[in-house]
Amino acid sequence: MKIWEKYPLAVSILRNGGFFRFVQQTSDQYDSSDAVVNDITLMNKFADFIKENDIAGYVDGEGDLEKAKEKLVKEDEPKNIFLNNAFNVIENQIKKSQTAMFDDEKGFH
């Protein structure tokens, strides 16, 4: 298994520029790379940064969901309550998956 397959959320955040933005915004808080390595709250700060900046990692099926939403909303009445509720349930599950993935990948070094 390749490393990017083991950590899909990390790879997705990397592709979206999340790591680089975090480094840019927090680099003035550290005076050396050792200070960064020894910061036991670094991952919590990064998790907060991701949430505050609405940086989402890709979860399998997320792209398919967006395509389905676009297609069904075009074909169906946009006010279809059943359809909107179904999308909300799926989106909430994706958010839960992203949170679980982040927790799983916290130990990534």
PDB file of N, CA and C in Angstrom:
ATOM      1  N   MET A   1       0.849  -1.181   0.000  1.00  0.00           N
ATOM      2  CA  MET A   1       0.000   0.000   0.000  1.00  0.00           C
ATOM      3  C   MET A   1       0.893   1.241   0.000  1.00  0.00           C
ATOM      4  N   LYS A   2       0.606   2.145  -0.877  1.00  0.00           N
ATOM      5  CA  LYS A   2       1.369   3.385  -0.955  1.00  0.00           C
ATOM      6  C   LYS A   2       0.900   4.337   0.130  1.00  0.00           C
ATOM      7  N   ILE A   3       1.783   5.237   0.552  1.00  0.00           N
ATOM      8  CA  ILE A   3       1.479   6.111   1.687  1.00  0.00           C
ATOM      9  C   ILE A   3       0.242   6.967   1.435  1.00  0.00           C
ATOM     10  N   TRP A   4       0.064   7.438   0.186  1.00  0.00           N
ATOM     11  CA  TRP A   4      -1.103   8.287  -0.080  1.00  0.00           C
ATOM     12  C   TRP A   4      -2.405   7.495  -0.036  1.00  0.00           C
ATOM     13  N   GLU A   5      -2.337   6.193  -0.213  1.00  0.00           N
ATOM     14  CA  GLU A   5      -3.536   5.371  -0.086  1.00  0.00           C
ATOM     15  C   GLU A   5      -3.909   5.153   1.377  1.00  0.00           C
ATOM     16  N   LYS A   6      -2.907   5.189   2.231  1.00  0.00           N
ATOM     17  CA  LYS A   6      -3.138   4.973   3.666  1.00  0.00           C
ATOM     18  C   LYS A   6      -3.681   6.239   4.338  1.00  0.00           C
ATOM     19  N   TYR A   7      -3.369   7.386   3.783  1.00  0.00           N
ATOM     20  CA  TYR A   7      -3.771   8.665   4.384  1.00  0.00           C
ATOM     21  C   TYR A   7      -4.496   9.547   3.365  1.00  0.00           C
ATOM     22  N   PRO A   8      -5.686   9.141   2.929  1.00  0.00           N
ATOM     23  CA  PRO A   8      -6.369   9.895   1.867  1.00  0.00           C
ATOM     24  C   PRO A   8      -6.766  11.313   2.279  1.00  0.00           C
ATOM     25  N   LEU A   9      -7.113  11.514   3.533  1.00  0.00           N
ATOM     26  CA  LEU A   9      -7.500  12.852   3.974  1.00  0.00           C
ATOM     27  C   LEU A   9      -6.296  13.781   3.941  1.00  0.00           C
ATOM     28  N   ALA A  10      -5.163  13.313   4.418  1.00  0.00           N
ATOM     29  CA  ALA A  10      -3.946  14.135   4.402  1.00  0.00           C
ATOM     30  C   ALA A  10      -3.563  14.514   2.977  1.00  0.00           C
ATOM     31  N   VAL A  11      -3.656  13.572   2.069  1.00  0.00           N
ATOM     32  CA  VAL A  11      -3.317  13.840   0.671  1.00  0.00           C
ATOM     33  C   VAL A  11      -4.287  14.858   0.083  1.00  0.00           C
ATOM     34  N   SER A  12      -5.550  14.727   0.407  1.00  0.00           N
ATOM     35  CA  SER A  12      -6.547  15.658  -0.104  1.00  0.00           C
ATOM     36  C   SER A  12      -6.297  17.075   0.412  1.00  0.00           C
ATOM     37  N   ILE A  13      -5.977  17.188   1.695  1.00  0.00           N
ATOM     38  CA  ILE A  13      -5.697  18.509   2.275  1.00  0.00           C
ATOM     39  C   ILE A  13      -4.436  19.096   1.658  1.00  0.00           C
ATOM     40  N   LEU A  14      -3.455  18.249   1.403  1.00  0.00           N
ATOM     41  CA  LEU A  14      -2.232  18.702   0.742  1.00  0.00           C
ATOM     42  C   LEU A  14      -2.551  19.252  -0.646  1.00  0.00           C
ATOM     43  N   ARG A  15      -3.361  18.527  -1.399  1.00  0.00           N
ATOM     44  CA  ARG A  15      -3.732  18.975  -2.753  1.00  0.00           C
ATOM     45  C   ARG A  15      -4.508  20.288  -2.729  1.00  0.00           C
ATOM     46  N   ASN A  16      -5.294  20.499  -1.682  1.00  0.00           N
ATOM     47  CA  ASN A  16      -6.082  21.725  -1.569  1.00  0.00           C
ATOM     48  C   ASN A  16      -5.278  22.892  -1.006  1.00  0.00           C
ATOM     49  N   GLY A  17      -3.998  22.665  -0.683  1.00  0.00           N
ATOM     50  CA  GLY A  17      -3.148  23.738  -0.171  1.00  0.00           C
ATOM     51  C   GLY A  17      -3.323  24.009   1.313  1.00  0.00           C
ATOM     52  N   GLY A  18      -4.025  23.145   2.009  1.00  0.00           N
ATOM     53  CA  GLY A  18      -4.289  23.354   3.430  1.00  0.00           C
ATOM     54  C   GLY A  18      -3.044  23.394   4.291  1.00  0.00           C
ATOM     55  N   PHE A  19      -2.090  22.495   4.023  1.00  0.00           N
ATOM     56  CA  PHE A  19      -0.870  22.473   4.818  1.00  0.00           C
ATOM     57  C   PHE A  19      -0.080  23.761   4.625  1.00  0.00           C
ATOM     58  N   PHE A  20       0.020  24.207   3.400  1.00  0.00           N
ATOM     59  CA  PHE A  20       0.807  25.402   3.108  1.00  0.00           C
ATOM     60  C   PHE A  20       0.191  26.651   3.741  1.00  0.00           C
ATOM     61  N   ARG A  21      -1.125  26.753   3.692  1.00  0.00           N
ATOM     62  CA  ARG A  21      -1.790  27.901   4.333  1.00  0.00           C
ATOM     63  C   ARG A  21      -1.588  27.875   5.839  1.00  0.00           C
ATOM     64  N   PHE A  22      -1.658  26.685   6.432  1.00  0.00           N
ATOM     65  CA  PHE A  22      -1.438  26.553   7.874  1.00  0.00           C
ATOM     66  C   PHE A  22      -0.021  26.995   8.240  1.00  0.00           C
ATOM     67  N   VAL A  23       0.948  26.561   7.471  1.00  0.00           N
ATOM     68  CA  VAL A  23       2.338  26.940   7.731  1.00  0.00           C
ATOM     69  C   VAL A  23       2.507  28.453   7.600  1.00  0.00           C
ATOM     70  N   GLN A  24       1.922  29.032   6.575  1.00  0.00           N
ATOM     71  CA  GLN A  24       2.032  30.478   6.380  1.00  0.00           C
ATOM     72  C   GLN A  24       1.438  31.250   7.558  1.00  0.00           C
ATOM     73  N   GLN A  25       0.305  30.771   8.073  1.00  0.00           N
ATOM     74  CA  GLN A  25      -0.372  31.498   9.145  1.00  0.00           C
ATOM     75  C   GLN A  25       0.249  31.268  10.517  1.00  0.00           C
ATOM     76  N   THR A  26       0.989  30.183  10.696  1.00  0.00           N
ATOM     77  CA  THR A  26       1.520  29.876  12.029  1.00  0.00           C
ATOM     78  C   THR A  26       3.036  29.956  12.122  1.00  0.00           C
ATOM     79  N   SER A  27       3.709  30.215  11.037  1.00  0.00           N
ATOM     80  CA  SER A  27       5.180  30.176  11.048  1.00  0.00           C
ATOM     81  C   SER A  27       5.789  31.194  12.010  1.00  0.00           C
ATOM     82  N   ASP A  28       5.123  32.293  12.264  1.00  0.00           N
ATOM     83  CA  ASP A  28       5.670  33.297  13.179  1.00  0.00           C
ATOM     84  C   ASP A  28       5.592  32.873  14.649  1.00  0.00           C
ATOM     85  N   GLN A  29       4.921  31.762  14.925  1.00  0.00           N
ATOM     86  CA  GLN A  29       4.789  31.278  16.304  1.00  0.00           C
ATOM     87  C   GLN A  29       5.986  30.428  16.738  1.00  0.00           C
ATOM     88  N   TYR A  30       6.852  30.097  15.812  1.00  0.00           N
ATOM     89  CA  TYR A  30       7.973  29.204  16.096  1.00  0.00           C
ATOM     90  C   TYR A  30       9.281  29.844  15.665  1.00  0.00           C
ATOM     91  N   ASP A  31      10.337  29.606  16.476  1.00  0.00           N
ATOM     92  CA  ASP A  31      11.642  30.165  16.134  1.00  0.00           C
ATOM     93  C   ASP A  31      12.618  29.125  15.593  1.00  0.00           C
ATOM     94  N   SER A  32      12.178  27.860  15.565  1.00  0.00           N
ATOM     95  CA  SER A  32      13.023  26.803  15.005  1.00  0.00           C
ATOM     96  C   SER A  32      12.164  25.600  14.637  1.00  0.00           C
ATOM     97  N   SER A  33      12.743  24.699  13.839  1.00  0.00           N
ATOM     98  CA  SER A  33      12.008  23.491  13.480  1.00  0.00           C
ATOM     99  C   SER A  33      11.839  22.588  14.697  1.00  0.00           C
ATOM    100  N   ASP A  34      12.775  22.643  15.644  1.00  0.00           N
ATOM    101  CA  ASP A  34      12.628  21.872  16.883  1.00  0.00           C
ATOM    102  C   ASP A  34      11.412  22.324  17.677  1.00  0.00           C
ATOM    103  N   ALA A  35      11.153  23.618  17.667  1.00  0.00           N
ATOM    104  CA  ALA A  35       9.976  24.141  18.376  1.00  0.00           C
ATOM    105  C   ALA A  35       8.694  23.575  17.765  1.00  0.00           C
ATOM    106  N   VAL A  36       8.680  23.436  16.458  1.00  0.00           N
ATOM    107  CA  VAL A  36       7.516  22.863  15.778  1.00  0.00           C
ATOM    108  C   VAL A  36       7.364  21.395  16.161  1.00  0.00           C
ATOM    109  N   VAL A  37       8.452  20.654  16.084  1.00  0.00           N
ATOM    110  CA  VAL A  37       8.426  19.222  16.388  1.00  0.00           C
ATOM    111  C   VAL A  37       7.993  18.980  17.832  1.00  0.00           C
ATOM    112  N   ASN A  38       8.384  19.844  18.743  1.00  0.00           N
ATOM    113  CA  ASN A  38       8.090  19.661  20.166  1.00  0.00           C
ATOM    114  C   ASN A  38       6.751  20.248  20.600  1.00  0.00           C
ATOM    115  N   ASP A  39       6.018  20.864  19.694  1.00  0.00           N
ATOM    116  CA  ASP A  39       4.709  21.435  20.030  1.00  0.00           C
ATOM    117  C   ASP A  39       3.660  20.321  20.081  1.00  0.00           C
ATOM    118  N   ILE A  40       3.301  19.936  21.297  1.00  0.00           N
ATOM    119  CA  ILE A  40       2.347  18.824  21.457  1.00  0.00           C
ATOM    120  C   ILE A  40       0.918  19.209  21.077  1.00  0.00           C
ATOM    121  N   THR A  41       0.661  20.490  20.867  1.00  0.00           N
ATOM    122  CA  THR A  41      -0.680  20.942  20.478  1.00  0.00           C
ATOM    123  C   THR A  41      -0.786  21.217  18.979  1.00  0.00           C
ATOM    124  N   LEU A  42       0.252  20.921  18.232  1.00  0.00           N
ATOM    125  CA  LEU A  42       0.289  21.255  16.804  1.00  0.00           C
ATOM    126  C   LEU A  42      -0.874  20.648  16.031  1.00  0.00           C
ATOM    127  N   MET A  43      -1.153  19.375  16.243  1.00  0.00           N
ATOM    128  CA  MET A  43      -2.241  18.732  15.503  1.00  0.00           C
ATOM    129  C   MET A  43      -3.601  19.307  15.892  1.00  0.00           C
ATOM    130  N   ASN A  44      -3.769  19.674  17.148  1.00  0.00           N
ATOM    131  CA  ASN A  44      -5.033  20.312  17.553  1.00  0.00           C
ATOM    132  C   ASN A  44      -5.179  21.674  16.889  1.00  0.00           C
ATOM    133  N   LYS A  45      -4.077  22.410  16.799  1.00  0.00           N
ATOM    134  CA  LYS A  45      -4.098  23.710  16.105  1.00  0.00           C
ATOM    135  C   LYS A  45      -4.444  23.514  14.627  1.00  0.00           C
ATOM    136  N   PHE A  46      -3.874  22.464  14.034  1.00  0.00           N
ATOM    137  CA  PHE A  46      -4.147  22.190  12.620  1.00  0.00           C
ATOM    138  C   PHE A  46      -5.601  21.793  12.415  1.00  0.00           C
ATOM    139  N   ALA A  47      -6.130  20.967  13.312  1.00  0.00           N
ATOM    140  CA  ALA A  47      -7.545  20.568  13.220  1.00  0.00           C
ATOM    141  C   ALA A  47      -8.448  21.795  13.331  1.00  0.00           C
ATOM    142  N   ASP A  48      -8.137  22.682  14.258  1.00  0.00           N
ATOM    143  CA  ASP A  48      -8.918  23.922  14.395  1.00  0.00           C
ATOM    144  C   ASP A  48      -8.814  24.766  13.133  1.00  0.00           C
ATOM    145  N   PHE A  49      -7.614  24.854  12.574  1.00  0.00           N
ATOM    146  CA  PHE A  49      -7.395  25.620  11.353  1.00  0.00           C
ATOM    147  C   PHE A  49      -8.248  25.069  10.210  1.00  0.00           C
ATOM    148  N   ILE A  50      -8.278  23.740  10.081  1.00  0.00           N
ATOM    149  CA  ILE A  50      -9.078  23.114   9.019  1.00  0.00           C
ATOM    150  C   ILE A  50     -10.553  23.447   9.191  1.00  0.00           C
ATOM    151  N   LYS A  51     -11.042  23.353  10.422  1.00  0.00           N
ATOM    152  CA  LYS A  51     -12.459  23.642  10.687  1.00  0.00           C
ATOM    153  C   LYS A  51     -12.776  25.118  10.459  1.00  0.00           C
ATOM    154  N   GLU A  52     -11.923  25.999  10.981  1.00  0.00           N
ATOM    155  CA  GLU A  52     -12.169  27.442  10.867  1.00  0.00           C
ATOM    156  C   GLU A  52     -12.123  27.928   9.419  1.00  0.00           C
ATOM    157  N   ASN A  53     -11.297  27.300   8.612  1.00  0.00           N
ATOM    158  CA  ASN A  53     -11.138  27.720   7.216  1.00  0.00           C
ATOM    159  C   ASN A  53     -11.928  26.861   6.248  1.00  0.00           C
ATOM    160  N   ASP A  54     -12.753  25.980   6.790  1.00  0.00           N
ATOM    161  CA  ASP A  54     -13.619  25.129   5.978  1.00  0.00           C
ATOM    162  C   ASP A  54     -12.845  24.400   4.880  1.00  0.00           C
ATOM    163  N   ILE A  55     -11.692  23.842   5.288  1.00  0.00           N
ATOM    164  CA  ILE A  55     -10.886  23.051   4.362  1.00  0.00           C
ATOM    165  C   ILE A  55     -11.364  21.616   4.488  1.00  0.00           C
ATOM    166  N   ALA A  56     -11.857  21.083   3.417  1.00  0.00           N
ATOM    167  CA  ALA A  56     -12.404  19.732   3.459  1.00  0.00           C
ATOM    168  C   ALA A  56     -11.477  18.779   2.732  1.00  0.00           C
ATOM    169  N   GLY A  57     -11.312  17.628   3.317  1.00  0.00           N
ATOM    170  CA  GLY A  57     -10.600  16.557   2.637  1.00  0.00           C
ATOM    171  C   GLY A  57     -11.609  15.739   1.858  1.00  0.00           C
ATOM    172  N   TYR A  58     -11.164  15.156   0.806  1.00  0.00           N
ATOM    173  CA  TYR A  58     -12.038  14.377  -0.057  1.00  0.00           C
ATOM    174  C   TYR A  58     -12.331  13.027   0.573  1.00  0.00           C
ATOM    175  N   VAL A  59     -13.559  12.629   0.530  1.00  0.00           N
ATOM    176  CA  VAL A  59     -13.990  11.315   0.994  1.00  0.00           C
ATOM    177  C   VAL A  59     -14.549  10.569  -0.206  1.00  0.00           C
ATOM    178  N   ASP A  60     -14.248   9.276  -0.313  1.00  0.00           N
ATOM    179  CA  ASP A  60     -14.776   8.491  -1.427  1.00  0.00           C
ATOM    180  C   ASP A  60     -16.283   8.696  -1.550  1.00  0.00           C
ATOM    181  N   GLY A  61     -16.726   8.927  -2.757  1.00  0.00           N
ATOM    182  CA  GLY A  61     -18.145   9.115  -3.010  1.00  0.00           C
ATOM    183  C   GLY A  61     -18.582  10.569  -3.011  1.00  0.00           C
ATOM    184  N   GLU A  62     -17.730  11.442  -2.520  1.00  0.00           N
ATOM    185  CA  GLU A  62     -18.099  12.855  -2.418  1.00  0.00           C
ATOM    186  C   GLU A  62     -18.328  13.473  -3.801  1.00  0.00           C
ATOM    187  N   GLY A  63     -17.455  13.171  -4.740  1.00  0.00           N
ATOM    188  CA  GLY A  63     -17.618  13.692  -6.097  1.00  0.00           C
ATOM    189  C   GLY A  63     -18.871  13.156  -6.759  1.00  0.00           C
ATOM    190  N   ASP A  64     -19.137  11.872  -6.542  1.00  0.00           N
ATOM    191  CA  ASP A  64     -20.341  11.260  -7.105  1.00  0.00           C
ATOM    192  C   ASP A  64     -21.598  11.904  -6.523  1.00  0.00           C
ATOM    193  N   LEU A  65     -21.555  12.224  -5.239  1.00  0.00           N
ATOM    194  CA  LEU A  65     -22.699  12.877  -4.608  1.00  0.00           C
ATOM    195  C   LEU A  65     -22.972  14.224  -5.253  1.00  0.00           C
ATOM    196  N   GLU A  66     -21.930  15.000  -5.480  1.00  0.00           N
ATOM    197  CA  GLU A  66     -22.115  16.317  -6.100  1.00  0.00           C
ATOM    198  C   GLU A  66     -22.698  16.189  -7.507  1.00  0.00           C
ATOM    199  N   LYS A  67     -22.218  15.219  -8.268  1.00  0.00           N
ATOM    200  CA  LYS A  67     -22.752  15.001  -9.625  1.00  0.00           C
ATOM    201  C   LYS A  67     -24.222  14.598  -9.562  1.00  0.00           C
ATOM    202  N   ALA A  68     -24.549  13.711  -8.631  1.00  0.00           N
ATOM    203  CA  ALA A  68     -25.937  13.263  -8.492  1.00  0.00           C
ATOM    204  C   ALA A  68     -26.842  14.422  -8.097  1.00  0.00           C
ATOM    205  N   LYS A  69     -26.367  15.246  -7.173  1.00  0.00           N
ATOM    206  CA  LYS A  69     -27.164  16.401  -6.752  1.00  0.00           C
ATOM    207  C   LYS A  69     -27.459  17.317  -7.928  1.00  0.00           C
ATOM    208  N   GLU A  70     -26.425  17.620  -8.703  1.00  0.00           N
ATOM    209  CA  GLU A  70     -26.609  18.505  -9.851  1.00  0.00           C
ATOM    210  C   GLU A  70     -27.625  17.923 -10.838  1.00  0.00           C
ATOM    211  N   LYS A  71     -27.475  16.648 -11.136  1.00  0.00           N
ATOM    212  CA  LYS A  71     -28.359  16.010 -12.109  1.00  0.00           C
ATOM    213  C   LYS A  71     -29.798  15.929 -11.610  1.00  0.00           C
ATOM    214  N   LEU A  72     -29.960  15.490 -10.356  1.00  0.00           N
ATOM    215  CA  LEU A  72     -31.307  15.325  -9.825  1.00  0.00           C
ATOM    216  C   LEU A  72     -32.013  16.649  -9.590  1.00  0.00           C
ATOM    217  N   VAL A  73     -31.270  17.655  -9.188  1.00  0.00           N
ATOM    218  CA  VAL A  73     -31.893  18.957  -8.969  1.00  0.00           C
ATOM    219  C   VAL A  73     -32.364  19.548 -10.293  1.00  0.00           C
ATOM    220  N   LYS A  74     -31.617  19.295 -11.357  1.00  0.00           N
ATOM    221  CA  LYS A  74     -32.039  19.772 -12.677  1.00  0.00           C
ATOM    222  C   LYS A  74     -33.306  19.063 -13.141  1.00  0.00           C
ATOM    223  N   GLU A  75     -33.352  17.750 -12.899  1.00  0.00           N
ATOM    224  CA  GLU A  75     -34.474  16.950 -13.383  1.00  0.00           C
ATOM    225  C   GLU A  75     -35.694  17.021 -12.481  1.00  0.00           C
ATOM    226  N   ASP A  76     -35.468  17.276 -11.215  1.00  0.00           N
ATOM    227  CA  ASP A  76     -36.558  17.258 -10.244  1.00  0.00           C
ATOM    228  C   ASP A  76     -36.813  18.685  -9.753  1.00  0.00           C
ATOM    229  N   GLU A  77     -37.908  18.844  -9.132  1.00  0.00           N
ATOM    230  CA  GLU A  77     -38.247  20.126  -8.518  1.00  0.00           C
ATOM    231  C   GLU A  77     -37.186  20.451  -7.460  1.00  0.00           C
ATOM    232  N   PRO A  78     -36.543  21.618  -7.536  1.00  0.00           N
ATOM    233  CA  PRO A  78     -35.515  21.975  -6.552  1.00  0.00           C
ATOM    234  C   PRO A  78     -36.042  22.015  -5.107  1.00  0.00           C
ATOM    235  N   LYS A  79     -37.316  22.092  -4.954  1.00  0.00           N
ATOM    236  CA  LYS A  79     -37.905  22.181  -3.609  1.00  0.00           C
ATOM    237  C   LYS A  79     -38.310  20.807  -3.058  1.00  0.00           C
ATOM    238  N   ASN A  80     -37.884  19.749  -3.704  1.00  0.00           N
ATOM    239  CA  ASN A  80     -38.239  18.406  -3.272  1.00  0.00           C
ATOM    240  C   ASN A  80     -37.641  18.131  -1.892  1.00  0.00           C
ATOM    241  N   ILE A  81     -38.479  18.093  -0.883  1.00  0.00           N
ATOM    242  CA  ILE A  81     -38.040  17.934   0.506  1.00  0.00           C
ATOM    243  C   ILE A  81     -37.376  16.580   0.722  1.00  0.00           C
ATOM    244  N   PHE A  82     -37.942  15.526   0.145  1.00  0.00           N
ATOM    245  CA  PHE A  82     -37.364  14.192   0.306  1.00  0.00           C
ATOM    246  C   PHE A  82     -35.939  14.157  -0.229  1.00  0.00           C
ATOM    247  N   LEU A  83     -35.747  14.716  -1.404  1.00  0.00           N
ATOM    248  CA  LEU A  83     -34.432  14.734  -2.028  1.00  0.00           C
ATOM    249  C   LEU A  83     -33.443  15.556  -1.204  1.00  0.00           C
ATOM    250  N   ASN A  84     -33.866  16.713  -0.751  1.00  0.00           N
ATOM    251  CA  ASN A  84     -32.995  17.553   0.073  1.00  0.00           C
ATOM    252  C   ASN A  84     -32.615  16.855   1.371  1.00  0.00           C
ATOM    253  N   ASN A  85     -33.564  16.168   1.998  1.00  0.00           N
ATOM    254  CA  ASN A  85     -33.260  15.439   3.231  1.00  0.00           C
ATOM    255  C   ASN A  85     -32.276  14.307   2.971  1.00  0.00           C
ATOM    256  N   ALA A  86     -32.441  13.609   1.875  1.00  0.00           N
ATOM    257  CA  ALA A  86     -31.518  12.521   1.533  1.00  0.00           C
ATOM    258  C   ALA A  86     -30.104  13.058   1.336  1.00  0.00           C
ATOM    259  N   PHE A  87     -29.982  14.174   0.627  1.00  0.00           N
ATOM    260  CA  PHE A  87     -28.663  14.781   0.440  1.00  0.00           C
ATOM    261  C   PHE A  87     -28.069  15.220   1.769  1.00  0.00           C
ATOM    262  N   ASN A  88     -28.883  15.779   2.648  1.00  0.00           N
ATOM    263  CA  ASN A  88     -28.383  16.209   3.958  1.00  0.00           C
ATOM    264  C   ASN A  88     -27.856  15.033   4.771  1.00  0.00           C
ATOM    265  N   VAL A  89     -28.554  13.922   4.729  1.00  0.00           N
ATOM    266  CA  VAL A  89     -28.107  12.731   5.460  1.00  0.00           C
ATOM    267  C   VAL A  89     -26.756  12.261   4.919  1.00  0.00           C
ATOM    268  N   ILE A  90     -26.628  12.214   3.606  1.00  0.00           N
ATOM    269  CA  ILE A  90     -25.373  11.768   2.988  1.00  0.00           C
ATOM    270  C   ILE A  90     -24.249  12.750   3.309  1.00  0.00           C
ATOM    271  N   GLU A  91     -24.512  14.038   3.215  1.00  0.00           N
ATOM    272  CA  GLU A  91     -23.486  15.043   3.510  1.00  0.00           C
ATOM    273  C   GLU A  91     -23.038  14.960   4.963  1.00  0.00           C
ATOM    274  N   ASN A  92     -23.973  14.725   5.879  1.00  0.00           N
ATOM    275  CA  ASN A  92     -23.603  14.568   7.288  1.00  0.00           C
ATOM    276  C   ASN A  92     -22.733  13.341   7.493  1.00  0.00           C
ATOM    277  N   GLN A  93     -23.029  12.272   6.769  1.00  0.00           N
ATOM    278  CA  GLN A  93     -22.202  11.068   6.870  1.00  0.00           C
ATOM    279  C   GLN A  93     -20.792  11.323   6.335  1.00  0.00           C
ATOM    280  N   ILE A  94     -20.701  12.089   5.273  1.00  0.00           N
ATOM    281  CA  ILE A  94     -19.391  12.440   4.725  1.00  0.00           C
ATOM    282  C   ILE A  94     -18.604  13.254   5.749  1.00  0.00           C
ATOM    283  N   LYS A  95     -19.257  14.200   6.409  1.00  0.00           N
ATOM    284  CA  LYS A  95     -18.569  14.996   7.435  1.00  0.00           C
ATOM    285  C   LYS A  95     -18.086  14.113   8.579  1.00  0.00           C
ATOM    286  N   LYS A  96     -18.903  13.148   8.979  1.00  0.00           N
ATOM    287  CA  LYS A  96     -18.489  12.207  10.033  1.00  0.00           C
ATOM    288  C   LYS A  96     -17.295  11.391   9.570  1.00  0.00           C
ATOM    289  N   SER A  97     -17.316  10.977   8.313  1.00  0.00           N
ATOM    290  CA  SER A  97     -16.199  10.203   7.763  1.00  0.00           C
ATOM    291  C   SER A  97     -14.924  11.034   7.743  1.00  0.00           C
ATOM    292  N   GLN A  98     -15.053  12.301   7.368  1.00  0.00           N
ATOM    293  CA  GLN A  98     -13.886  13.178   7.346  1.00  0.00           C
ATOM    294  C   GLN A  98     -13.310  13.344   8.751  1.00  0.00           C
ATOM    295  N   THR A  99     -14.182  13.513   9.741  1.00  0.00           N
ATOM    296  CA  THR A  99     -13.728  13.655  11.120  1.00  0.00           C
ATOM    297  C   THR A  99     -13.027  12.385  11.583  1.00  0.00           C
ATOM    298  N   ALA A 100     -13.596  11.238  11.271  1.00  0.00           N
ATOM    299  CA  ALA A 100     -12.985   9.967  11.654  1.00  0.00           C
ATOM    300  C   ALA A 100     -11.644   9.774  10.949  1.00  0.00           C
ATOM    301  N   MET A 101     -11.573  10.158   9.684  1.00  0.00           N
ATOM    302  CA  MET A 101     -10.319  10.047   8.955  1.00  0.00           C
ATOM    303  C   MET A 101      -9.256  10.930   9.580  1.00  0.00           C
ATOM    304  N   PHE A 102      -9.642  12.138   9.960  1.00  0.00           N
ATOM    305  CA  PHE A 102      -8.680  13.045  10.574  1.00  0.00           C
ATOM    306  C   PHE A 102      -8.162  12.441  11.876  1.00  0.00           C
ATOM    307  N   ASP A 103      -9.045  11.889  12.679  1.00  0.00           N
ATOM    308  CA  ASP A 103      -8.627  11.258  13.933  1.00  0.00           C
ATOM    309  C   ASP A 103      -7.692  10.084  13.665  1.00  0.00           C
ATOM    310  N   ASP A 104      -8.001   9.288  12.647  1.00  0.00           N
ATOM    311  CA  ASP A 104      -7.145   8.146  12.290  1.00  0.00           C
ATOM    312  C   ASP A 104      -5.771   8.604  11.823  1.00  0.00           C
ATOM    313  N   GLU A 105      -5.726   9.716  11.125  1.00  0.00           N
ATOM    314  CA  GLU A 105      -4.481  10.177  10.532  1.00  0.00           C
ATOM    315  C   GLU A 105      -3.675  11.105  11.436  1.00  0.00           C
ATOM    316  N   LYS A 106      -4.188  11.393  12.626  1.00  0.00           N
ATOM    317  CA  LYS A 106      -3.461  12.294  13.535  1.00  0.00           C
ATOM    318  C   LYS A 106      -2.058  11.791  13.841  1.00  0.00           C
ATOM    319  N   GLY A 107      -1.888  10.485  13.908  1.00  0.00           N
ATOM    320  CA  GLY A 107      -0.584   9.924  14.238  1.00  0.00           C
ATOM    321  C   GLY A 107       0.398   9.906  13.089  1.00  0.00           C
ATOM    322  N   PHE A 108      -0.007  10.384  11.919  1.00  0.00           N
ATOM    323  CA  PHE A 108       0.856  10.381  10.735  1.00  0.00           C
ATOM    324  C   PHE A 108       2.039  11.312  10.961  1.00  0.00           C
ATOM    325  N   HIS A 109       3.237  10.799  10.739  1.00  0.00           N
ATOM    326  CA  HIS A 109       4.455  11.620  10.891  1.00  0.00           C
ATOM    327  C   HIS A 109       5.193  11.663   9.586  1.00  0.00           C
TER     328      HIS A 109
END
